[in-house]
Protein backbone atom coordinates (compact mmCIF):
# COMPACT_ATOMS: atom_id res chain seq x y z
CA MET A 1 -13.84 -23.05 -53.78
CA THR A 2 -10.79 -20.99 -52.91
CA THR A 3 -12.63 -17.68 -53.08
CA LEU A 4 -15.46 -19.10 -50.98
CA ASP A 5 -13.05 -20.40 -48.34
CA LYS A 6 -11.40 -17.01 -47.81
CA PRO A 7 -14.32 -15.30 -46.05
CA SER A 8 -14.85 -18.28 -43.82
CA GLY A 9 -11.14 -18.31 -42.92
CA VAL A 10 -11.21 -14.59 -42.11
CA ALA A 11 -14.28 -15.11 -39.94
CA ALA A 12 -12.56 -17.96 -38.13
CA ASP A 13 -9.50 -15.79 -37.48
CA ARG A 14 -11.70 -13.01 -36.16
CA GLY A 15 -13.52 -15.46 -33.90
CA ARG A 16 -10.25 -16.77 -32.49
CA ALA A 17 -8.98 -13.21 -31.95
CA ALA A 18 -12.21 -12.24 -30.21
CA GLY A 19 -11.99 -15.33 -28.01
CA ALA A 20 -8.38 -14.56 -27.09
CA ASP A 21 -9.35 -10.93 -26.35
CA ARG A 22 -12.16 -12.07 -24.05
CA ALA A 23 -9.79 -14.44 -22.26
CA VAL A 24 -7.27 -11.63 -21.72
CA ARG A 25 -10.00 -9.31 -20.40
CA ARG A 26 -11.24 -12.08 -18.10
CA ASP A 27 -7.74 -12.66 -16.73
CA LEU A 28 -7.24 -8.93 -16.24
CA GLY A 29 -10.56 -8.73 -14.45
CA VAL A 30 -9.52 -11.50 -12.06
CA VAL A 31 -6.20 -9.79 -11.37
CA ASN A 32 -7.90 -6.43 -10.79
CA ALA A 33 -10.44 -8.01 -8.45
CA LEU A 34 -7.70 -9.72 -6.44
CA SER A 35 -5.56 -6.57 -6.26
CA HIS A 36 -8.52 -4.41 -5.20
CA GLY A 37 -9.55 -7.01 -2.64
CA PHE A 38 -6.05 -7.06 -1.19
CA LEU A 39 -5.96 -3.24 -1.05
CA LEU A 40 -9.32 -3.15 0.72
CA PHE A 41 -8.12 -5.76 3.20
CA TRP A 42 -4.90 -3.84 3.83
CA GLY A 43 -6.80 -0.57 4.22
CA ALA A 44 -9.18 -2.13 6.73
CA LEU A 45 -6.23 -3.65 8.59
CA THR A 46 -4.71 -0.17 8.89
CA VAL A 47 -7.78 2.00 9.50
CA LEU A 48 -9.84 -0.14 11.87
CA PRO A 49 -7.28 -0.20 14.74
CA LEU A 50 -6.91 3.58 14.49
CA LEU A 51 -10.69 4.02 14.48
CA TRP A 52 -11.04 1.71 17.48
CA MET A 53 -8.35 3.65 19.36
CA PHE A 54 -10.04 6.97 18.53
CA LEU A 55 -13.47 5.79 19.69
CA SER A 56 -12.04 4.21 22.83
CA SER A 57 -10.50 7.54 23.80
CA PHE A 58 -14.05 8.87 24.41
CA LYS A 59 -15.26 5.89 26.48
CA SER A 60 -15.19 5.35 30.18
CA ASN A 61 -13.08 2.56 31.66
CA ALA A 62 -16.26 0.57 32.39
CA GLU A 63 -17.35 0.83 28.74
CA ILE A 64 -13.93 -0.25 27.48
CA LEU A 65 -13.97 -3.37 29.67
CA ALA A 66 -17.66 -4.23 29.21
CA ASP A 67 -18.05 -3.48 25.47
CA PRO A 68 -14.65 -2.87 23.84
CA TRP A 69 -16.04 -2.94 20.28
CA GLY A 70 -19.10 -0.74 20.91
CA LEU A 71 -19.57 2.97 20.38
CA PRO A 72 -19.05 5.38 23.28
CA GLY A 73 -22.16 6.38 25.17
CA GLU A 74 -21.05 10.02 25.09
CA LEU A 75 -18.03 12.03 24.02
CA ARG A 76 -15.90 12.29 27.16
CA PHE A 77 -13.33 14.97 26.37
CA ASP A 78 -12.20 14.87 29.98
CA ASN A 79 -10.15 11.78 29.02
CA TRP A 80 -8.16 13.97 26.66
CA ALA A 81 -7.84 16.69 29.29
CA ARG A 82 -6.52 14.23 31.87
CA ALA A 83 -4.04 12.78 29.39
CA TRP A 84 -2.87 16.29 28.40
CA THR A 85 -2.37 17.55 31.96
CA THR A 86 -2.22 14.70 34.47
CA ALA A 87 -0.15 12.39 32.26
CA HIS A 88 1.92 15.37 31.00
CA ILE A 89 1.23 14.49 27.35
CA GLY A 90 0.98 18.20 26.62
CA ARG A 91 4.51 18.82 27.87
CA TYR A 92 5.90 15.85 25.97
CA PHE A 93 4.02 16.97 22.86
CA LEU A 94 5.64 20.42 23.03
CA ASN A 95 9.09 18.89 23.63
CA SER A 96 8.73 16.67 20.57
CA ALA A 97 7.47 19.57 18.46
CA ILE A 98 10.52 21.69 19.36
CA VAL A 99 13.06 18.91 18.78
CA VAL A 100 11.49 17.64 15.56
CA THR A 101 11.20 21.15 14.12
CA GLY A 102 14.88 21.79 14.76
CA SER A 103 16.05 18.39 13.52
CA VAL A 104 13.99 18.49 10.31
CA ALA A 105 15.17 22.04 9.53
CA LEU A 106 18.81 21.09 10.13
CA THR A 107 18.46 17.88 8.12
CA MET A 108 16.90 19.61 5.13
CA LEU A 109 19.46 22.43 5.12
CA MET A 110 22.49 20.15 5.31
CA GLY A 111 21.00 17.42 3.13
CA ALA A 112 19.88 19.77 0.36
CA THR A 113 23.26 21.52 0.31
CA ALA A 114 25.20 18.26 0.09
CA ALA A 115 22.82 16.77 -2.48
CA TYR A 116 23.09 19.85 -4.71
CA VAL A 117 26.87 19.70 -4.66
CA PHE A 118 26.89 15.98 -5.47
CA ALA A 119 24.40 16.45 -8.31
CA ARG A 120 25.78 19.60 -9.96
CA TYR A 121 29.53 19.84 -9.38
CA GLU A 122 32.39 17.67 -10.52
CA PHE A 123 35.31 17.34 -8.12
CA ARG A 124 37.80 14.73 -7.05
CA GLY A 125 36.38 12.17 -4.63
CA ARG A 126 32.76 13.13 -5.35
CA GLN A 127 31.57 9.59 -5.93
CA LEU A 128 33.40 8.29 -2.85
CA ALA A 129 31.88 10.97 -0.63
CA TYR A 130 28.43 10.30 -2.09
CA TYR A 131 28.67 6.56 -1.48
CA LEU A 132 29.87 7.19 2.07
CA PHE A 133 26.71 9.21 2.68
CA VAL A 134 24.45 6.62 1.07
CA GLY A 135 26.25 3.82 2.91
CA GLY A 136 24.70 5.12 6.11
CA LEU A 137 21.38 3.66 4.92
CA MET A 138 22.75 0.16 5.53
CA PHE A 139 23.38 0.63 9.25
CA PRO A 140 20.40 0.28 11.60
CA VAL A 141 20.23 2.72 14.47
CA PHE A 142 20.56 0.15 17.24
CA LEU A 143 23.91 -0.97 15.80
CA ALA A 144 25.57 2.29 16.92
CA LEU A 145 23.74 2.91 20.17
CA VAL A 146 26.66 2.08 22.48
CA PRO A 147 29.34 4.17 20.70
CA LEU A 148 26.78 6.91 20.11
CA PHE A 149 26.02 7.01 23.82
CA PHE A 150 29.68 7.58 24.70
CA VAL A 151 30.22 10.12 21.89
CA VAL A 152 27.24 12.22 22.98
CA ARG A 153 28.21 11.97 26.65
CA ASN A 154 31.84 12.93 26.01
CA ALA A 155 30.67 15.89 23.94
CA GLY A 156 28.67 17.15 26.92
CA LEU A 157 25.36 16.78 25.07
CA PHE A 158 23.92 13.84 26.98
CA GLY A 159 20.42 14.52 28.25
CA THR A 160 20.03 17.66 26.08
CA TRP A 161 17.75 18.48 23.19
CA THR A 162 20.73 19.79 21.22
CA GLY A 163 22.38 16.38 21.25
CA LEU A 164 19.13 14.73 20.19
CA VAL A 165 18.64 17.19 17.32
CA LEU A 166 22.16 16.52 16.03
CA VAL A 167 21.70 12.75 16.25
CA TYR A 168 18.33 12.91 14.48
CA ALA A 169 19.85 14.99 11.70
CA ALA A 170 22.86 12.69 11.34
CA TYR A 171 20.71 9.58 10.96
CA SER A 172 18.38 11.27 8.47
CA LEU A 173 21.11 12.67 6.21
CA PRO A 174 21.81 9.47 4.19
CA PHE A 175 18.23 9.13 2.96
CA THR A 176 17.89 12.89 2.42
CA VAL A 177 21.09 13.13 0.37
CA PHE A 178 20.23 10.01 -1.63
CA PHE A 179 16.74 11.24 -2.55
CA LEU A 180 17.58 14.89 -3.22
CA THR A 181 20.70 14.11 -5.27
CA ALA A 182 18.57 12.19 -7.75
CA PHE A 183 16.01 15.00 -7.72
CA PHE A 184 18.54 17.80 -8.34
CA ARG A 185 19.92 15.87 -11.32
CA THR A 186 16.52 16.09 -13.02
CA LEU A 187 16.38 19.90 -12.84
CA PRO A 188 17.24 21.72 -16.10
CA THR A 189 20.80 22.99 -16.34
CA SER A 190 19.82 25.81 -18.70
CA VAL A 191 18.20 27.76 -15.87
CA ALA A 192 21.34 27.53 -13.72
CA GLU A 193 23.56 28.52 -16.66
CA ALA A 194 21.37 31.53 -17.44
CA ALA A 195 21.52 32.64 -13.80
CA LEU A 196 25.31 32.36 -13.77
CA VAL A 197 25.56 34.36 -16.99
CA ASP A 198 23.42 37.09 -15.42
CA GLY A 199 25.96 37.38 -12.59
CA CYS A 200 24.32 35.19 -9.96
CA GLY A 201 26.85 33.61 -7.61
CA HIS A 202 26.80 29.96 -6.57
CA PHE A 203 25.36 30.76 -3.17
CA ARG A 204 22.48 32.81 -4.57
CA LEU A 205 22.01 30.31 -7.39
CA PHE A 206 21.33 27.56 -4.89
CA PHE A 207 19.04 29.45 -2.50
CA ARG A 208 17.24 31.72 -4.98
CA VAL A 209 16.95 29.51 -8.07
CA MET A 210 17.59 25.80 -7.57
CA LEU A 211 16.08 25.34 -4.11
CA PRO A 212 12.65 26.76 -5.09
CA MET A 213 12.68 24.52 -8.18
CA ALA A 214 13.31 21.50 -5.93
CA ARG A 215 10.33 22.33 -3.67
CA PRO A 216 8.31 19.15 -4.48
CA GLY A 217 11.21 16.90 -3.57
CA MET A 218 12.05 18.97 -0.50
CA ILE A 219 8.48 18.72 0.80
CA SER A 220 8.39 14.95 0.27
CA VAL A 221 11.67 14.34 2.09
CA ALA A 222 10.74 16.75 4.88
CA ILE A 223 7.50 14.86 5.51
CA PHE A 224 9.29 11.51 5.60
CA ASN A 225 11.85 12.93 8.03
CA PHE A 226 9.11 14.45 10.18
CA LEU A 227 7.32 11.10 10.46
CA SER A 228 10.56 9.33 11.30
CA HIS A 229 11.63 11.83 13.96
CA TRP A 230 8.18 12.14 15.51
CA ASN A 231 7.83 8.37 15.95
CA GLN A 232 11.40 7.85 17.20
CA PHE A 233 11.59 6.06 20.53
CA LEU A 234 14.95 4.30 20.77
CA LEU A 235 17.24 7.33 20.43
CA PRO A 236 15.51 9.56 23.02
CA GLN A 237 15.21 6.59 25.35
CA VAL A 238 19.00 6.19 25.28
CA LEU A 239 20.06 9.85 25.07
CA LEU A 240 17.43 11.52 27.30
CA GLN A 241 17.56 9.55 30.51
CA GLY A 242 16.75 10.91 33.93
CA ASP A 243 14.89 14.23 33.84
CA ASP A 244 11.40 13.41 32.56
CA SER A 245 10.63 17.09 31.90
CA LYS A 246 12.74 16.78 28.72
CA TRP A 247 11.20 13.54 27.50
CA MET A 248 9.85 13.10 24.01
CA LEU A 249 6.27 12.08 23.30
CA ALA A 250 7.18 8.45 22.61
CA GLN A 251 8.87 8.19 26.01
CA GLY A 252 5.88 9.73 27.73
CA LEU A 253 3.51 7.31 26.00
CA ALA A 254 5.65 4.35 27.04
CA ALA A 255 5.60 5.51 30.65
CA LEU A 256 1.86 6.16 30.42
CA SER A 257 1.16 2.69 29.05
CA VAL A 258 3.02 1.10 31.95
CA SER A 259 1.49 3.26 34.68
CA GLN A 260 -2.07 3.26 33.35
CA GLY A 261 -1.88 -0.43 32.57
CA TYR A 262 -1.45 -1.10 36.28
CA ALA A 263 -3.86 1.66 37.33
CA GLY A 264 -6.57 0.51 34.92
CA ASP A 265 -7.20 3.97 33.39
CA TYR A 266 -7.38 2.75 29.82
CA ALA A 267 -9.45 5.73 28.68
CA GLN A 268 -6.61 8.10 29.51
CA LEU A 269 -4.15 5.78 27.74
CA PHE A 270 -6.22 5.71 24.54
CA ALA A 271 -6.60 9.50 24.68
CA GLY A 272 -2.82 9.92 24.94
CA LEU A 273 -2.25 7.57 22.03
CA THR A 274 -4.77 9.46 19.91
CA ILE A 275 -3.11 12.80 20.70
CA ALA A 276 0.23 11.35 19.59
CA VAL A 277 -1.13 9.90 16.35
CA LEU A 278 -3.18 12.90 15.22
CA PRO A 279 -0.24 15.12 14.09
CA VAL A 280 1.12 12.32 11.90
CA LEU A 281 -2.27 11.76 10.26
CA LEU A 282 -2.93 15.47 9.78
CA VAL A 283 0.48 16.09 8.21
CA TYR A 284 0.09 13.23 5.76
CA VAL A 285 -3.51 14.12 4.85
CA ALA A 286 -2.58 17.78 4.35
CA PHE A 287 0.50 17.08 2.21
CA GLN A 288 -0.34 13.80 0.45
CA ARG A 289 -0.53 15.53 -2.95
CA GLN A 290 2.87 17.12 -2.42
CA VAL A 291 4.32 13.74 -1.42
CA GLN A 292 2.99 12.07 -4.55
CA SER A 293 4.09 14.90 -6.84
CA GLY A 294 7.52 14.99 -5.23
CA LEU A 295 8.03 11.25 -5.68
CA THR A 296 7.03 11.37 -9.35
CA ALA A 297 8.38 14.77 -10.39
CA GLY A 298 11.82 13.41 -11.16
CA GLN A 299 10.43 10.76 -13.49
CA LEU A 300 8.05 13.19 -15.24
CA LYS A 301 10.66 15.81 -16.10
């Protein structure tokens, strides 16, 4: 009886294990379905407004009011031309491109230098200085608008692109230093030691050896800073008052939304919004692989 009961007991155990395995797979399937459904919903919630804005930029005002959800009857590129010239979106676009290029370059140079020092060198007060940098992440920008206004004005930089570039760089440094410090710590020390043994100085070591090795992290942080600076509205609105020839793109779009909202030229407004959004989309689509590799490179090393 005992020997006959053993196979039946083994079969029962296998049946219970198979049942438990099916239950686990069923639960995982439900979780995967819910997660994929949520991602699809979130993707639609993000893409559909952009698609509607893009299609509306080719419609006439009559089409927008009569059939806001329909397709344009024809591609009216004159909406884009009017937004670029009449609404001065082209001038604001160029202003933003100049300021953002300068601010991102300055941020990456200063942030990478500080992060490398914090990650690779031991000196007195290093941790305190690092935490002072990172502590800037806790302060929202609007908290310092009033003192920042007086500091920039007293420095003679109010209403200038130079002042705006410096402010952009200052507010981007905490995140840049925080991210790149962790990234530089993952780089192998043997390469730096070999370069020093071969007679490479600290300056050349940073720019010729360590900085190229940190390229994935540098690209990721540069893209995040570009998106932040390009979409900034509050700082230029406070620091670039008066002369509208120096306005940033966000300021121009705000003025366009007010003026065209009263004038009823919604086609020109949608065209201006599309022109402003396109660089952000193109930059992310072009560099999405670099962003992902930069975010994961530190964990994979």
